[in-house]
Amino acid sequence: MRNKLFLATAAAFLTLSAGAYAQETIIIEETDPVTTESTVIVPGEVRTYVMEREVPSIAYEGDVVVGRVIPDTVEIYPVDDHADYAYTVVNERRVIVNPETRTVVEVLE
């Protein structure tokens, strides 16, 4: 009886925890930049351009995350044919920013 209760409890636990490990796949169609509330969808050609460029990495204390403003002391570089985007490399991570506000819009991995 005790073993059956233990097995039933273990099975219930595994069943409930399985949902926590489920992953969701999101497919984003590449189109022109779209702003939805606080999310910017960056065109694929901008990501490709940034990944292909060699610029020095800047050391920065703290996390570089979407929404963070890059200080004026960090040089940002324009993206050819896309005036709405600029980029830099911070802590060895490529970062796409809004050149007007210097706000991070995407961190590339």
C-alpha atoms as a PDB file:
ATOM      1  CA  MET A   1       0.000   0.000   0.000  1.00  0.00           C
ATOM      2  CA  ARG A   2       2.751   2.393   0.979  1.00  0.00           C
ATOM      3  CA  ASN A   3       4.665   1.692  -2.264  1.00  0.00           C
ATOM      4  CA  LYS A   4       1.536   2.259  -4.362  1.00  0.00           C
ATOM      5  CA  LEU A   5       0.938   5.615  -2.646  1.00  0.00           C
ATOM      6  CA  PHE A   6       4.553   6.601  -3.239  1.00  0.00           C
ATOM      7  CA  LEU A   7       4.363   5.613  -6.928  1.00  0.00           C
ATOM      8  CA  ALA A   8       1.071   7.460  -7.383  1.00  0.00           C
ATOM      9  CA  THR A   9       2.535  10.597  -5.783  1.00  0.00           C
ATOM     10  CA  ALA A  10       5.674  10.374  -7.936  1.00  0.00           C
ATOM     11  CA  ALA A  11       3.591   9.914 -11.107  1.00  0.00           C
ATOM     12  CA  ALA A  12       1.412  12.914 -10.232  1.00  0.00           C
ATOM     13  CA  PHE A  13       4.478  15.047  -9.575  1.00  0.00           C
ATOM     14  CA  LEU A  14       6.071  14.094 -12.893  1.00  0.00           C
ATOM     15  CA  THR A  15       2.849  14.766 -14.767  1.00  0.00           C
ATOM     16  CA  LEU A  16       2.472  18.226 -13.241  1.00  0.00           C
ATOM     17  CA  SER A  17       6.112  19.199 -13.731  1.00  0.00           C
ATOM     18  CA  ALA A  18       6.210  18.131 -17.392  1.00  0.00           C
ATOM     19  CA  GLY A  19       4.326  21.278 -18.395  1.00  0.00           C
ATOM     20  CA  ALA A  20       7.062  23.439 -16.929  1.00  0.00           C
ATOM     21  CA  TYR A  21       9.576  21.969 -19.369  1.00  0.00           C
ATOM     22  CA  ALA A  22       7.431  22.395 -22.463  1.00  0.00           C
ATOM     23  CA  GLN A  23       8.801  24.825 -25.002  1.00  0.00           C
ATOM     24  CA  GLU A  24       6.973  26.975 -27.449  1.00  0.00           C
ATOM     25  CA  THR A  25       8.213  27.626 -30.990  1.00  0.00           C
ATOM     26  CA  ILE A  26       7.501  31.017 -32.479  1.00  0.00           C
ATOM     27  CA  ILE A  27       8.019  31.621 -36.183  1.00  0.00           C
ATOM     28  CA  ILE A  28       8.493  35.239 -37.199  1.00  0.00           C
ATOM     29  CA  GLU A  29       8.127  36.147 -40.839  1.00  0.00           C
ATOM     30  CA  GLU A  30      10.825  38.600 -41.955  1.00  0.00           C
ATOM     31  CA  THR A  31       9.158  41.865 -42.991  1.00  0.00           C
ATOM     32  CA  ASP A  32       9.747  45.561 -42.590  1.00  0.00           C
ATOM     33  CA  PRO A  33      10.408  46.748 -39.021  1.00  0.00           C
ATOM     34  CA  VAL A  34       7.291  46.623 -36.911  1.00  0.00           C
ATOM     35  CA  THR A  35       6.823  48.133 -33.483  1.00  0.00           C
ATOM     36  CA  THR A  36       4.294  46.462 -31.233  1.00  0.00           C
ATOM     37  CA  GLU A  37       4.043  48.272 -27.916  1.00  0.00           C
ATOM     38  CA  SER A  38       7.614  47.738 -26.641  1.00  0.00           C
ATOM     39  CA  THR A  39       8.803  45.099 -29.108  1.00  0.00           C
ATOM     40  CA  VAL A  40      10.716  45.903 -32.290  1.00  0.00           C
ATOM     41  CA  ILE A  41      11.015  43.232 -34.951  1.00  0.00           C
ATOM     42  CA  VAL A  42      14.350  43.805 -36.674  1.00  0.00           C
ATOM     43  CA  PRO A  43      14.655  42.850 -40.374  1.00  0.00           C
ATOM     44  CA  GLY A  44      16.840  39.817 -41.072  1.00  0.00           C
ATOM     45  CA  GLU A  45      19.189  41.785 -43.339  1.00  0.00           C
ATOM     46  CA  VAL A  46      20.004  44.111 -40.416  1.00  0.00           C
ATOM     47  CA  ARG A  47      20.927  41.125 -38.219  1.00  0.00           C
ATOM     48  CA  THR A  48      23.079  39.675 -41.014  1.00  0.00           C
ATOM     49  CA  TYR A  49      24.835  43.012 -41.567  1.00  0.00           C
ATOM     50  CA  VAL A  50      25.643  43.365 -37.862  1.00  0.00           C
ATOM     51  CA  MET A  51      26.915  39.780 -37.558  1.00  0.00           C
ATOM     52  CA  GLU A  52      29.285  40.250 -40.513  1.00  0.00           C
ATOM     53  CA  ARG A  53      30.975  43.440 -39.261  1.00  0.00           C
ATOM     54  CA  GLU A  54      34.168  43.459 -37.224  1.00  0.00           C
ATOM     55  CA  VAL A  55      34.254  46.217 -34.609  1.00  0.00           C
ATOM     56  CA  PRO A  56      35.994  46.279 -31.228  1.00  0.00           C
ATOM     57  CA  SER A  57      34.095  45.090 -28.182  1.00  0.00           C
ATOM     58  CA  ILE A  58      33.491  47.614 -25.415  1.00  0.00           C
ATOM     59  CA  ALA A  59      33.636  46.485 -21.776  1.00  0.00           C
ATOM     60  CA  TYR A  60      30.518  47.545 -19.893  1.00  0.00           C
ATOM     61  CA  GLU A  61      29.562  46.812 -16.305  1.00  0.00           C
ATOM     62  CA  GLY A  62      26.078  45.442 -15.904  1.00  0.00           C
ATOM     63  CA  ASP A  63      23.750  43.565 -18.202  1.00  0.00           C
ATOM     64  CA  VAL A  64      23.104  44.719 -21.735  1.00  0.00           C
ATOM     65  CA  VAL A  65      19.426  44.001 -22.298  1.00  0.00           C
ATOM     66  CA  VAL A  66      16.639  45.222 -24.552  1.00  0.00           C
ATOM     67  CA  GLY A  67      15.455  48.625 -23.389  1.00  0.00           C
ATOM     68  CA  ARG A  68      18.765  49.666 -21.792  1.00  0.00           C
ATOM     69  CA  VAL A  69      20.266  52.929 -23.071  1.00  0.00           C
ATOM     70  CA  ILE A  70      23.846  52.677 -24.299  1.00  0.00           C
ATOM     71  CA  PRO A  71      25.980  55.518 -22.833  1.00  0.00           C
ATOM     72  CA  ASP A  72      27.254  58.288 -25.111  1.00  0.00           C
ATOM     73  CA  THR A  73      30.813  57.107 -24.435  1.00  0.00           C
ATOM     74  CA  VAL A  74      30.151  53.896 -26.415  1.00  0.00           C
ATOM     75  CA  GLU A  75      30.584  54.300 -30.168  1.00  0.00           C
ATOM     76  CA  ILE A  76      27.691  53.044 -32.249  1.00  0.00           C
ATOM     77  CA  TYR A  77      27.937  52.317 -35.956  1.00  0.00           C
ATOM     78  CA  PRO A  78      25.221  52.928 -38.580  1.00  0.00           C
ATOM     79  CA  VAL A  79      23.681  50.055 -40.532  1.00  0.00           C
ATOM     80  CA  ASP A  80      23.974  50.739 -44.273  1.00  0.00           C
ATOM     81  CA  ASP A  81      20.610  51.264 -45.998  1.00  0.00           C
ATOM     82  CA  HIS A  82      18.767  51.123 -42.643  1.00  0.00           C
ATOM     83  CA  ALA A  83      18.868  54.539 -40.973  1.00  0.00           C
ATOM     84  CA  ASP A  84      16.590  53.303 -38.152  1.00  0.00           C
ATOM     85  CA  TYR A  85      19.295  50.958 -36.831  1.00  0.00           C
ATOM     86  CA  ALA A  86      22.822  51.143 -35.481  1.00  0.00           C
ATOM     87  CA  TYR A  87      24.975  48.582 -33.719  1.00  0.00           C
ATOM     88  CA  THR A  88      27.923  48.050 -31.444  1.00  0.00           C
ATOM     89  CA  VAL A  89      29.629  45.194 -29.628  1.00  0.00           C
ATOM     90  CA  VAL A  90      29.405  45.273 -25.832  1.00  0.00           C
ATOM     91  CA  ASN A  91      30.967  42.597 -23.617  1.00  0.00           C
ATOM     92  CA  GLU A  92      31.572  40.464 -26.739  1.00  0.00           C
ATOM     93  CA  ARG A  93      27.846  40.589 -27.627  1.00  0.00           C
ATOM     94  CA  ARG A  94      26.524  42.274 -30.755  1.00  0.00           C
ATOM     95  CA  VAL A  95      23.811  44.791 -29.967  1.00  0.00           C
ATOM     96  CA  ILE A  96      21.348  46.507 -32.310  1.00  0.00           C
ATOM     97  CA  VAL A  97      20.292  49.948 -31.095  1.00  0.00           C
ATOM     98  CA  ASN A  98      18.013  52.802 -32.072  1.00  0.00           C
ATOM     99  CA  PRO A  99      20.510  55.467 -33.202  1.00  0.00           C
ATOM    100  CA  GLU A 100      18.308  58.371 -32.055  1.00  0.00           C
ATOM    101  CA  THR A 101      17.663  57.165 -28.508  1.00  0.00           C
ATOM    102  CA  ARG A 102      20.648  54.762 -28.176  1.00  0.00           C
ATOM    103  CA  THR A 103      18.205  52.216 -26.734  1.00  0.00           C
ATOM    104  CA  VAL A 104      18.996  48.516 -27.227  1.00  0.00           C
ATOM    105  CA  VAL A 105      16.366  46.924 -29.485  1.00  0.00           C
ATOM    106  CA  GLU A 106      17.979  43.487 -29.827  1.00  0.00           C
ATOM    107  CA  VAL A 107      20.938  41.555 -28.434  1.00  0.00           C
ATOM    108  CA  LEU A 108      22.274  39.010 -30.930  1.00  0.00           C
ATOM    109  CA  GLU A 109      23.646  35.684 -29.725  1.00  0.00           C
END
